[in-house]
PDB file of all heavy atoms in Angstrom:
ATOM      1  N   GLN A   1       0.061  -5.766 -10.404  1.00  0.00           N
ATOM      2  CA  GLN A   1      -1.162  -5.944 -11.053  1.00  0.00           C
ATOM      3  C   GLN A   1      -2.277  -5.970  -9.942  1.00  0.00           C
ATOM      4  O   GLN A   1      -2.177  -6.503  -8.945  1.00  0.00           O
ATOM      5  CB  GLN A   1      -1.115  -7.277 -11.902  1.00  0.00           C
ATOM      6  CG  GLN A   1      -0.210  -7.192 -13.054  1.00  0.00           C
ATOM      7  CD  GLN A   1      -0.301  -8.462 -13.879  1.00  0.00           C
ATOM      8  OE1 GLN A   1      -0.564  -9.589 -13.407  1.00  0.00           O
ATOM      9  NE2 GLN A   1      -0.061  -8.365 -15.154  1.00  0.00           N
ATOM     10  N   LEU A   2      -3.372  -5.325 -10.361  1.00  0.00           N
ATOM     11  CA  LEU A   2      -4.522  -5.176  -9.468  1.00  0.00           C
ATOM     12  C   LEU A   2      -5.784  -5.798 -10.061  1.00  0.00           C
ATOM     13  O   LEU A   2      -6.045  -5.504 -11.290  1.00  0.00           O
ATOM     14  CB  LEU A   2      -4.775  -3.688  -9.232  1.00  0.00           C
ATOM     15  CG  LEU A   2      -3.548  -2.873  -8.649  1.00  0.00           C
ATOM     16  CD1 LEU A   2      -3.958  -1.388  -8.519  1.00  0.00           C
ATOM     17  CD2 LEU A   2      -3.139  -3.387  -7.330  1.00  0.00           C
ATOM     18  N   VAL A   3      -6.472  -6.595  -9.304  1.00  0.00           N
ATOM     19  CA  VAL A   3      -7.671  -7.204  -9.726  1.00  0.00           C
ATOM     20  C   VAL A   3      -8.800  -6.822  -8.738  1.00  0.00           C
ATOM     21  O   VAL A   3      -8.649  -7.154  -7.594  1.00  0.00           O
ATOM     22  CB  VAL A   3      -7.537  -8.700  -9.858  1.00  0.00           C
ATOM     23  CG1 VAL A   3      -8.894  -9.315 -10.293  1.00  0.00           C
ATOM     24  CG2 VAL A   3      -6.405  -9.081 -10.820  1.00  0.00           C
ATOM     25  N   GLU A   4      -9.775  -6.184  -9.255  1.00  0.00           N
ATOM     26  CA  GLU A   4     -10.914  -5.770  -8.423  1.00  0.00           C
ATOM     27  C   GLU A   4     -12.054  -6.643  -8.535  1.00  0.00           C
ATOM     28  O   GLU A   4     -12.288  -7.295  -9.587  1.00  0.00           O
ATOM     29  CB  GLU A   4     -11.379  -4.350  -8.829  1.00  0.00           C
ATOM     30  CG  GLU A   4     -10.226  -3.317  -8.738  1.00  0.00           C
ATOM     31  CD  GLU A   4     -10.472  -2.108  -9.573  1.00  0.00           C
ATOM     32  OE1 GLU A   4     -11.434  -1.991 -10.341  1.00  0.00           O
ATOM     33  OE2 GLU A   4      -9.660  -1.172  -9.582  1.00  0.00           O
ATOM     34  N   SER A   5     -12.892  -6.701  -7.490  1.00  0.00           N
ATOM     35  CA  SER A   5     -14.108  -7.490  -7.504  1.00  0.00           C
ATOM     36  C   SER A   5     -15.106  -6.832  -6.549  1.00  0.00           C
ATOM     37  O   SER A   5     -14.787  -5.977  -5.768  1.00  0.00           O
ATOM     38  CB  SER A   5     -13.799  -8.967  -7.078  1.00  0.00           C
ATOM     39  OG  SER A   5     -13.282  -8.995  -5.857  1.00  0.00           O
ATOM     40  N   GLY A   6     -16.364  -7.207  -6.694  1.00  0.00           N
ATOM     41  CA  GLY A   6     -17.368  -6.903  -5.730  1.00  0.00           C
ATOM     42  C   GLY A   6     -18.409  -5.854  -6.161  1.00  0.00           C
ATOM     43  O   GLY A   6     -19.340  -5.600  -5.423  1.00  0.00           O
ATOM     44  N   GLY A   7     -18.338  -5.306  -7.344  1.00  0.00           N
ATOM     45  CA  GLY A   7     -19.300  -4.362  -7.791  1.00  0.00           C
ATOM     46  C   GLY A   7     -20.608  -5.049  -8.182  1.00  0.00           C
ATOM     47  O   GLY A   7     -20.689  -6.311  -8.101  1.00  0.00           O
ATOM     48  N   GLY A   8     -21.598  -4.259  -8.471  1.00  0.00           N
ATOM     49  CA  GLY A   8     -22.910  -4.814  -8.872  1.00  0.00           C
ATOM     50  C   GLY A   8     -24.016  -3.758  -8.725  1.00  0.00           C
ATOM     51  O   GLY A   8     -23.750  -2.579  -8.622  1.00  0.00           O
ATOM     52  N   LEU A   9     -25.191  -4.297  -8.826  1.00  0.00           N
ATOM     53  CA  LEU A   9     -26.460  -3.436  -8.718  1.00  0.00           C
ATOM     54  C   LEU A   9     -26.986  -3.590  -7.265  1.00  0.00           C
ATOM     55  O   LEU A   9     -27.171  -4.766  -6.827  1.00  0.00           O
ATOM     56  CB  LEU A   9     -27.477  -3.933  -9.806  1.00  0.00           C
ATOM     57  CG  LEU A   9     -28.840  -3.344  -9.688  1.00  0.00           C
ATOM     58  CD1 LEU A   9     -28.764  -1.717  -9.933  1.00  0.00           C
ATOM     59  CD2 LEU A   9     -29.762  -3.907 -10.686  1.00  0.00           C
ATOM     60  N   VAL A  10     -27.357  -2.455  -6.662  1.00  0.00           N
ATOM     61  CA  VAL A  10     -27.884  -2.554  -5.350  1.00  0.00           C
ATOM     62  C   VAL A  10     -28.944  -1.417  -5.270  1.00  0.00           C
ATOM     63  O   VAL A  10     -28.805  -0.386  -5.859  1.00  0.00           O
ATOM     64  CB  VAL A  10     -26.785  -2.433  -4.268  1.00  0.00           C
ATOM     65  CG1 VAL A  10     -26.103  -1.043  -4.370  1.00  0.00           C
ATOM     66  CG2 VAL A  10     -27.275  -2.663  -2.891  1.00  0.00           C
ATOM     67  N   GLN A  11     -29.868  -1.666  -4.350  1.00  0.00           N
ATOM     68  CA  GLN A  11     -30.978  -0.662  -4.115  1.00  0.00           C
ATOM     69  C   GLN A  11     -30.424   0.448  -3.168  1.00  0.00           C
ATOM     70  O   GLN A  11     -29.458   0.136  -2.452  1.00  0.00           O
ATOM     71  CB  GLN A  11     -32.159  -1.336  -3.524  1.00  0.00           C
ATOM     72  CG  GLN A  11     -32.895  -2.332  -4.443  1.00  0.00           C
ATOM     73  CD  GLN A  11     -34.174  -2.756  -3.911  1.00  0.00           C
ATOM     74  OE1 GLN A  11     -34.501  -2.733  -2.730  1.00  0.00           O
ATOM     75  NE2 GLN A  11     -35.031  -3.254  -4.828  1.00  0.00           N
ATOM     76  N   PRO A  12     -30.958   1.557  -3.272  1.00  0.00           N
ATOM     77  CA  PRO A  12     -30.558   2.658  -2.256  1.00  0.00           C
ATOM     78  C   PRO A  12     -30.700   2.134  -0.923  1.00  0.00           C
ATOM     79  O   PRO A  12     -31.693   1.454  -0.555  1.00  0.00           O
ATOM     80  CB  PRO A  12     -31.567   3.754  -2.639  1.00  0.00           C
ATOM     81  CG  PRO A  12     -31.929   3.550  -4.064  1.00  0.00           C
ATOM     82  CD  PRO A  12     -31.960   2.103  -4.288  1.00  0.00           C
ATOM     83  N   GLY A  13     -29.703   2.420  -0.069  1.00  0.00           N
ATOM     84  CA  GLY A  13     -29.671   2.042   1.329  1.00  0.00           C
ATOM     85  C   GLY A  13     -28.988   0.706   1.454  1.00  0.00           C
ATOM     86  O   GLY A  13     -28.692   0.348   2.611  1.00  0.00           O
ATOM     87  N   GLY A  14     -28.616   0.040   0.459  1.00  0.00           N
ATOM     88  CA  GLY A  14     -27.949  -1.242   0.501  1.00  0.00           C
ATOM     89  C   GLY A  14     -26.500  -1.113   0.638  1.00  0.00           C
ATOM     90  O   GLY A  14     -25.939   0.060   0.858  1.00  0.00           O
ATOM     91  N   SER A  15     -25.772  -2.316   0.623  1.00  0.00           N
ATOM     92  CA  SER A  15     -24.347  -2.330   0.870  1.00  0.00           C
ATOM     93  C   SER A  15     -23.659  -3.101  -0.207  1.00  0.00           C
ATOM     94  O   SER A  15     -24.264  -4.062  -0.764  1.00  0.00           O
ATOM     95  CB  SER A  15     -24.119  -3.005   2.246  1.00  0.00           C
ATOM     96  OG  SER A  15     -24.609  -2.188   3.326  1.00  0.00           O
ATOM     97  N   LEU A  16     -22.450  -2.831  -0.446  1.00  0.00           N
ATOM     98  CA  LEU A  16     -21.494  -3.593  -1.282  1.00  0.00           C
ATOM     99  C   LEU A  16     -20.128  -3.474  -0.644  1.00  0.00           C
ATOM    100  O   LEU A  16     -19.765  -2.557   0.039  1.00  0.00           O
ATOM    101  CB  LEU A  16     -21.482  -3.056  -2.655  1.00  0.00           C
ATOM    102  CG  LEU A  16     -22.620  -3.306  -3.595  1.00  0.00           C
ATOM    103  CD1 LEU A  16     -22.381  -2.547  -4.929  1.00  0.00           C
ATOM    104  CD2 LEU A  16     -22.786  -4.813  -3.964  1.00  0.00           C
ATOM    105  N   ARG A  17     -19.330  -4.552  -0.977  1.00  0.00           N
ATOM    106  CA  ARG A  17     -17.928  -4.576  -0.526  1.00  0.00           C
ATOM    107  C   ARG A  17     -17.060  -4.816  -1.747  1.00  0.00           C
ATOM    108  O   ARG A  17     -17.184  -5.859  -2.369  1.00  0.00           O
ATOM    109  CB  ARG A  17     -17.763  -5.759   0.522  1.00  0.00           C
ATOM    110  CG  ARG A  17     -16.279  -5.753   1.049  1.00  0.00           C
ATOM    111  CD  ARG A  17     -16.209  -6.836   2.119  1.00  0.00           C
ATOM    112  NE  ARG A  17     -14.882  -7.078   2.588  1.00  0.00           N
ATOM    113  CZ  ARG A  17     -14.359  -6.398   3.628  1.00  0.00           C
ATOM    114  NH1 ARG A  17     -15.040  -5.423   4.181  1.00  0.00           N
ATOM    115  NH2 ARG A  17     -13.118  -6.694   3.968  1.00  0.00           N
ATOM    116  N   LEU A  18     -16.157  -3.840  -1.999  1.00  0.00           N
ATOM    117  CA  LEU A  18     -15.231  -3.968  -3.101  1.00  0.00           C
ATOM    118  C   LEU A  18     -13.907  -4.515  -2.542  1.00  0.00           C
ATOM    119  O   LEU A  18     -13.485  -4.062  -1.469  1.00  0.00           O
ATOM    120  CB  LEU A  18     -15.056  -2.588  -3.798  1.00  0.00           C
ATOM    121  CG  LEU A  18     -16.273  -1.910  -4.240  1.00  0.00           C
ATOM    122  CD1 LEU A  18     -15.883  -0.562  -4.995  1.00  0.00           C
ATOM    123  CD2 LEU A  18     -17.117  -2.743  -5.109  1.00  0.00           C
ATOM    124  N   SER A  19     -13.287  -5.294  -3.365  1.00  0.00           N
ATOM    125  CA  SER A  19     -11.964  -5.806  -2.967  1.00  0.00           C
ATOM    126  C   SER A  19     -11.017  -5.612  -4.132  1.00  0.00           C
ATOM    127  O   SER A  19     -11.406  -5.646  -5.339  1.00  0.00           O
ATOM    128  CB  SER A  19     -12.029  -7.262  -2.634  1.00  0.00           C
ATOM    129  OG  SER A  19     -12.692  -7.531  -1.450  1.00  0.00           O
ATOM    130  N   CYS A  20      -9.783  -5.371  -3.722  1.00  0.00           N
ATOM    131  CA  CYS A  20      -8.731  -5.190  -4.752  1.00  0.00           C
ATOM    132  C   CYS A  20      -7.526  -6.050  -4.307  1.00  0.00           C
ATOM    133  O   CYS A  20      -7.013  -5.853  -3.229  1.00  0.00           O
ATOM    134  CB  CYS A  20      -8.337  -3.724  -4.836  1.00  0.00           C
ATOM    135  SG  CYS A  20      -6.911  -3.409  -5.928  1.00  0.00           S
ATOM    136  N   ALA A  21      -7.093  -7.062  -5.103  1.00  0.00           N
ATOM    137  CA  ALA A  21      -6.051  -7.847  -4.851  1.00  0.00           C
ATOM    138  C   ALA A  21      -4.786  -7.488  -5.651  1.00  0.00           C
ATOM    139  O   ALA A  21      -4.897  -7.224  -6.867  1.00  0.00           O
ATOM    140  CB  ALA A  21      -6.412  -9.359  -5.170  1.00  0.00           C
ATOM    141  N   ALA A  22      -3.662  -7.308  -4.961  1.00  0.00           N
ATOM    142  CA  ALA A  22      -2.478  -6.847  -5.664  1.00  0.00           C
ATOM    143  C   ALA A  22      -1.412  -7.881  -5.697  1.00  0.00           C
ATOM    144  O   ALA A  22      -1.218  -8.594  -4.697  1.00  0.00           O
ATOM    145  CB  ALA A  22      -1.957  -5.575  -4.856  1.00  0.00           C
ATOM    146  N   SER A  23      -0.695  -7.923  -6.789  1.00  0.00           N
ATOM    147  CA  SER A  23       0.441  -8.788  -6.913  1.00  0.00           C
ATOM    148  C   SER A  23       1.678  -8.055  -6.428  1.00  0.00           C
ATOM    149  O   SER A  23       1.655  -6.956  -6.218  1.00  0.00           O
ATOM    150  CB  SER A  23       0.601  -9.309  -8.357  1.00  0.00           C
ATOM    151  OG  SER A  23       0.910  -8.110  -9.157  1.00  0.00           O
ATOM    152  N   GLY A  24       2.785  -8.761  -6.220  1.00  0.00           N
ATOM    153  CA  GLY A  24       4.001  -8.063  -5.805  1.00  0.00           C
ATOM    154  C   GLY A  24       4.302  -8.148  -4.386  1.00  0.00           C
ATOM    155  O   GLY A  24       3.392  -8.509  -3.553  1.00  0.00           O
ATOM    156  N   SER A  25       5.553  -7.834  -4.003  1.00  0.00           N
ATOM    157  CA  SER A  25       6.050  -8.113  -2.611  1.00  0.00           C
ATOM    158  C   SER A  25       6.099  -6.808  -1.842  1.00  0.00           C
ATOM    159  O   SER A  25       6.512  -6.830  -0.669  1.00  0.00           O
ATOM    160  CB  SER A  25       7.388  -8.709  -2.712  1.00  0.00           C
ATOM    161  OG  SER A  25       8.276  -7.920  -3.395  1.00  0.00           O
ATOM    162  N   LEU A  26       5.788  -5.588  -2.356  1.00  0.00           N
ATOM    163  CA  LEU A  26       5.950  -4.409  -1.727  1.00  0.00           C
ATOM    164  C   LEU A  26       4.660  -3.764  -1.258  1.00  0.00           C
ATOM    165  O   LEU A  26       4.603  -2.551  -0.920  1.00  0.00           O
ATOM    166  CB  LEU A  26       6.690  -3.398  -2.724  1.00  0.00           C
ATOM    167  CG  LEU A  26       8.121  -3.842  -3.049  1.00  0.00           C
ATOM    168  CD1 LEU A  26       8.676  -2.795  -4.073  1.00  0.00           C
ATOM    169  CD2 LEU A  26       8.999  -4.002  -1.863  1.00  0.00           C
ATOM    170  N   PHE A  27       3.576  -4.495  -1.285  1.00  0.00           N
ATOM    171  CA  PHE A  27       2.307  -3.908  -0.975  1.00  0.00           C
ATOM    172  C   PHE A  27       2.218  -3.265   0.381  1.00  0.00           C
ATOM    173  O   PHE A  27       1.600  -2.257   0.562  1.00  0.00           O
ATOM    174  CB  PHE A  27       1.235  -5.004  -1.066  1.00  0.00           C
ATOM    175  CG  PHE A  27      -0.171  -4.536  -0.784  1.00  0.00           C
ATOM    176  CD1 PHE A  27      -0.934  -3.955  -1.787  1.00  0.00           C
ATOM    177  CD2 PHE A  27      -0.813  -4.662   0.437  1.00  0.00           C
ATOM    178  CE1 PHE A  27      -2.211  -3.473  -1.590  1.00  0.00           C
ATOM    179  CE2 PHE A  27      -2.003  -4.278   0.698  1.00  0.00           C
ATOM    180  CZ  PHE A  27      -2.762  -3.592  -0.340  1.00  0.00           C
ATOM    181  N   SER A  28       2.957  -3.925   1.382  1.00  0.00           N
ATOM    182  CA  SER A  28       2.858  -3.322   2.703  1.00  0.00           C
ATOM    183  C   SER A  28       3.427  -1.882   2.816  1.00  0.00           C
ATOM    184  O   SER A  28       3.165  -1.152   3.768  1.00  0.00           O
ATOM    185  CB  SER A  28       3.584  -4.222   3.689  1.00  0.00           C
ATOM    186  OG  SER A  28       4.967  -4.298   3.365  1.00  0.00           O
ATOM    187  N   ARG A  29       4.182  -1.514   1.801  1.00  0.00           N
ATOM    188  CA  ARG A  29       4.782  -0.156   1.841  1.00  0.00           C
ATOM    189  C   ARG A  29       4.001   0.781   0.969  1.00  0.00           C
ATOM    190  O   ARG A  29       4.321   1.919   0.758  1.00  0.00           O
ATOM    191  CB  ARG A  29       6.231  -0.232   1.352  1.00  0.00           C
ATOM    192  CG  ARG A  29       7.122  -1.054   2.168  1.00  0.00           C
ATOM    193  CD  ARG A  29       8.465  -1.389   1.496  1.00  0.00           C
ATOM    194  NE  ARG A  29       9.238  -0.242   1.145  1.00  0.00           N
ATOM    195  CZ  ARG A  29      10.454  -0.255   0.509  1.00  0.00           C
ATOM    196  NH1 ARG A  29      10.904  -1.428   0.184  1.00  0.00           N
ATOM    197  NH2 ARG A  29      10.999   0.869   0.196  1.00  0.00           N
ATOM    198  N   ALA A  30       2.945   0.304   0.321  1.00  0.00           N
ATOM    199  CA  ALA A  30       2.214   1.063  -0.687  1.00  0.00           C
ATOM    200  C   ALA A  30       1.168   2.020  -0.077  1.00  0.00           C
ATOM    201  O   ALA A  30       0.487   1.713   0.962  1.00  0.00           O
ATOM    202  CB  ALA A  30       1.594   0.150  -1.685  1.00  0.00           C
ATOM    203  N   TYR A  31       0.940   3.115  -0.784  1.00  0.00           N
ATOM    204  CA  TYR A  31      -0.187   3.988  -0.478  1.00  0.00           C
ATOM    205  C   TYR A  31      -1.358   3.355  -1.320  1.00  0.00           C
ATOM    206  O   TYR A  31      -1.132   2.961  -2.481  1.00  0.00           O
ATOM    207  CB  TYR A  31       0.037   5.327  -0.970  1.00  0.00           C
ATOM    208  CG  TYR A  31      -1.167   6.256  -1.252  1.00  0.00           C
ATOM    209  CD1 TYR A  31      -1.698   7.095  -0.205  1.00  0.00           C
ATOM    210  CD2 TYR A  31      -1.760   6.261  -2.436  1.00  0.00           C
ATOM    211  CE1 TYR A  31      -2.782   7.813  -0.481  1.00  0.00           C
ATOM    212  CE2 TYR A  31      -2.882   7.053  -2.724  1.00  0.00           C
ATOM    213  CZ  TYR A  31      -3.364   7.799  -1.755  1.00  0.00           C
ATOM    214  OH  TYR A  31      -4.486   8.722  -2.031  1.00  0.00           O
ATOM    215  N   THR A  32      -2.487   3.190  -0.713  1.00  0.00           N
ATOM    216  CA  THR A  32      -3.632   2.549  -1.490  1.00  0.00           C
ATOM    217  C   THR A  32      -4.834   3.480  -1.355  1.00  0.00           C
ATOM    218  O   THR A  32      -5.047   4.181  -0.366  1.00  0.00           O
ATOM    219  CB  THR A  32      -3.959   1.222  -0.954  1.00  0.00           C
ATOM    220  OG1 THR A  32      -4.335   1.281   0.425  1.00  0.00           O
ATOM    221  CG2 THR A  32      -2.810   0.270  -1.121  1.00  0.00           C
ATOM    222  N   ALA A  33      -5.684   3.495  -2.412  1.00  0.00           N
ATOM    223  CA  ALA A  33      -6.847   4.385  -2.423  1.00  0.00           C
ATOM    224  C   ALA A  33      -7.915   3.788  -3.395  1.00  0.00           C
ATOM    225  O   ALA A  33      -7.596   2.890  -4.199  1.00  0.00           O
ATOM    226  CB  ALA A  33      -6.427   5.781  -2.896  1.00  0.00           C
ATOM    227  N   TRP A  34      -9.108   4.321  -3.238  1.00  0.00           N
ATOM    228  CA  TRP A  34     -10.199   4.040  -4.154  1.00  0.00           C
ATOM    229  C   TRP A  34     -10.625   5.298  -4.823  1.00  0.00           C
ATOM    230  O   TRP A  34     -10.731   6.416  -4.053  1.00  0.00           O
ATOM    231  CB  TRP A  34     -11.387   3.345  -3.460  1.00  0.00           C
ATOM    232  CG  TRP A  34     -11.084   1.903  -3.091  1.00  0.00           C
ATOM    233  CD1 TRP A  34     -10.760   1.471  -1.982  1.00  0.00           C
ATOM    234  CD2 TRP A  34     -11.417   0.842  -3.959  1.00  0.00           C
ATOM    235  NE1 TRP A  34     -10.612   0.070  -1.993  1.00  0.00           N
ATOM    236  CE2 TRP A  34     -11.057  -0.308  -3.229  1.00  0.00           C
ATOM    237  CE3 TRP A  34     -11.916   0.595  -5.180  1.00  0.00           C
ATOM    238  CZ2 TRP A  34     -11.149  -1.642  -3.675  1.00  0.00           C
ATOM    239  CZ3 TRP A  34     -12.015  -0.643  -5.708  1.00  0.00           C
ATOM    240  CH2 TRP A  34     -11.670  -1.745  -4.961  1.00  0.00           C
ATOM    241  N   TYR A  35     -10.845   5.249  -6.062  1.00  0.00           N
ATOM    242  CA  TYR A  35     -11.395   6.378  -6.802  1.00  0.00           C
ATOM    243  C   TYR A  35     -12.678   5.936  -7.456  1.00  0.00           C
ATOM    244  O   TYR A  35     -12.930   4.717  -7.607  1.00  0.00           O
ATOM    245  CB  TYR A  35     -10.384   6.891  -7.892  1.00  0.00           C
ATOM    246  CG  TYR A  35      -9.168   7.600  -7.437  1.00  0.00           C
ATOM    247  CD1 TYR A  35      -8.193   7.030  -6.747  1.00  0.00           C
ATOM    248  CD2 TYR A  35      -9.142   8.987  -7.693  1.00  0.00           C
ATOM    249  CE1 TYR A  35      -7.110   7.670  -6.340  1.00  0.00           C
ATOM    250  CE2 TYR A  35      -8.002   9.719  -7.248  1.00  0.00           C
ATOM    251  CZ  TYR A  35      -7.000   9.027  -6.571  1.00  0.00           C
ATOM    252  OH  TYR A  35      -5.871   9.718  -6.118  1.00  0.00           O
ATOM    253  N   ARG A  36     -13.423   6.875  -7.957  1.00  0.00           N
ATOM    254  CA  ARG A  36     -14.563   6.568  -8.719  1.00  0.00           C
ATOM    255  C   ARG A  36     -14.819   7.563  -9.906  1.00  0.00           C
ATOM    256  O   ARG A  36     -14.384   8.656  -9.843  1.00  0.00           O
ATOM    257  CB  ARG A  36     -15.856   6.431  -7.917  1.00  0.00           C
ATOM    258  CG  ARG A  36     -16.332   7.806  -7.323  1.00  0.00           C
ATOM    259  CD  ARG A  36     -17.512   7.593  -6.317  1.00  0.00           C
ATOM    260  NE  ARG A  36     -17.908   8.807  -5.756  1.00  0.00           N
ATOM    261  CZ  ARG A  36     -18.869   8.837  -4.778  1.00  0.00           C
ATOM    262  NH1 ARG A  36     -19.306   7.754  -4.241  1.00  0.00           N
ATOM    263  NH2 ARG A  36     -19.177   9.992  -4.239  1.00  0.00           N
ATOM    264  N   GLN A  37     -15.513   7.083 -10.983  1.00  0.00           N
ATOM    265  CA  GLN A  37     -15.730   8.012 -12.105  1.00  0.00           C
ATOM    266  C   GLN A  37     -17.245   7.689 -12.473  1.00  0.00           C
ATOM    267  O   GLN A  37     -17.560   6.617 -12.968  1.00  0.00           O
ATOM    268  CB  GLN A  37     -14.870   7.724 -13.219  1.00  0.00           C
ATOM    269  CG  GLN A  37     -15.038   8.744 -14.310  1.00  0.00           C
ATOM    270  CD  GLN A  37     -13.884   8.755 -15.238  1.00  0.00           C
ATOM    271  OE1 GLN A  37     -13.062   7.811 -15.396  1.00  0.00           O
ATOM    272  NE2 GLN A  37     -13.711   9.759 -16.078  1.00  0.00           N
ATOM    273  N   ALA A  38     -18.097   8.681 -12.348  1.00  0.00           N
ATOM    274  CA  ALA A  38     -19.445   8.656 -12.841  1.00  0.00           C
ATOM    275  C   ALA A  38     -19.581   9.080 -14.239  1.00  0.00           C
ATOM    276  O   ALA A  38     -18.673   9.756 -14.763  1.00  0.00           O
ATOM    277  CB  ALA A  38     -20.282   9.461 -11.900  1.00  0.00           C
ATOM    278  N   PRO A  39     -20.612   8.589 -15.013  1.00  0.00           N
ATOM    279  CA  PRO A  39     -20.770   9.051 -16.347  1.00  0.00           C
ATOM    280  C   PRO A  39     -20.746  10.590 -16.560  1.00  0.00           C
ATOM    281  O   PRO A  39     -21.398  11.296 -15.890  1.00  0.00           O
ATOM    282  CB  PRO A  39     -22.068   8.464 -16.760  1.00  0.00           C
ATOM    283  CG  PRO A  39     -22.320   7.286 -15.799  1.00  0.00           C
ATOM    284  CD  PRO A  39     -21.708   7.652 -14.515  1.00  0.00           C
ATOM    285  N   GLY A  40     -19.847  10.976 -17.474  1.00  0.00           N
ATOM    286  CA  GLY A  40     -19.784  12.448 -17.727  1.00  0.00           C
ATOM    287  C   GLY A  40     -19.039  13.215 -16.737  1.00  0.00           C
ATOM    288  O   GLY A  40     -19.032  14.487 -16.834  1.00  0.00           O
ATOM    289  N   LYS A  41     -18.467  12.589 -15.729  1.00  0.00           N
ATOM    290  CA  LYS A  41     -17.705  13.321 -14.770  1.00  0.00           C
ATOM    291  C   LYS A  41     -16.264  12.840 -14.710  1.00  0.00           C
ATOM    292  O   LYS A  41     -15.902  11.840 -15.193  1.00  0.00           O
ATOM    293  CB  LYS A  41     -18.382  13.127 -13.380  1.00  0.00           C
ATOM    294  CG  LYS A  41     -19.766  13.631 -13.293  1.00  0.00           C
ATOM    295  CD  LYS A  41     -20.358  13.592 -11.840  1.00  0.00           C
ATOM    296  CE  LYS A  41     -21.701  14.204 -11.666  1.00  0.00           C
ATOM    297  NZ  LYS A  41     -22.184  14.141 -10.290  1.00  0.00           N
ATOM    298  N   GLN A  42     -15.507  13.700 -14.057  1.00  0.00           N
ATOM    299  CA  GLN A  42     -14.067  13.381 -13.815  1.00  0.00           C
ATOM    300  C   GLN A  42     -13.943  12.397 -12.739  1.00  0.00           C
ATOM    301  O   GLN A  42     -14.760  12.259 -11.870  1.00  0.00           O
ATOM    302  CB  GLN A  42     -13.242  14.676 -13.498  1.00  0.00           C
ATOM    303  CG  GLN A  42     -13.038  15.587 -14.677  1.00  0.00           C
ATOM    304  CD  GLN A  42     -12.170  16.696 -14.310  1.00  0.00           C
ATOM    305  OE1 GLN A  42     -11.917  17.116 -13.148  1.00  0.00           O
ATOM    306  NE2 GLN A  42     -11.427  17.209 -15.318  1.00  0.00           N
TER     307      GLN A  42
END
């Protein structure tokens, strides 16, 4: 199970930090990635 946090509203030029916490004991062997989806896009 994955729980994400850290999103929000920011001005151009600003910063945000996203975090994803995973349950389970095999995380160290996992491939991990971030994806995004904008409105109307894949």
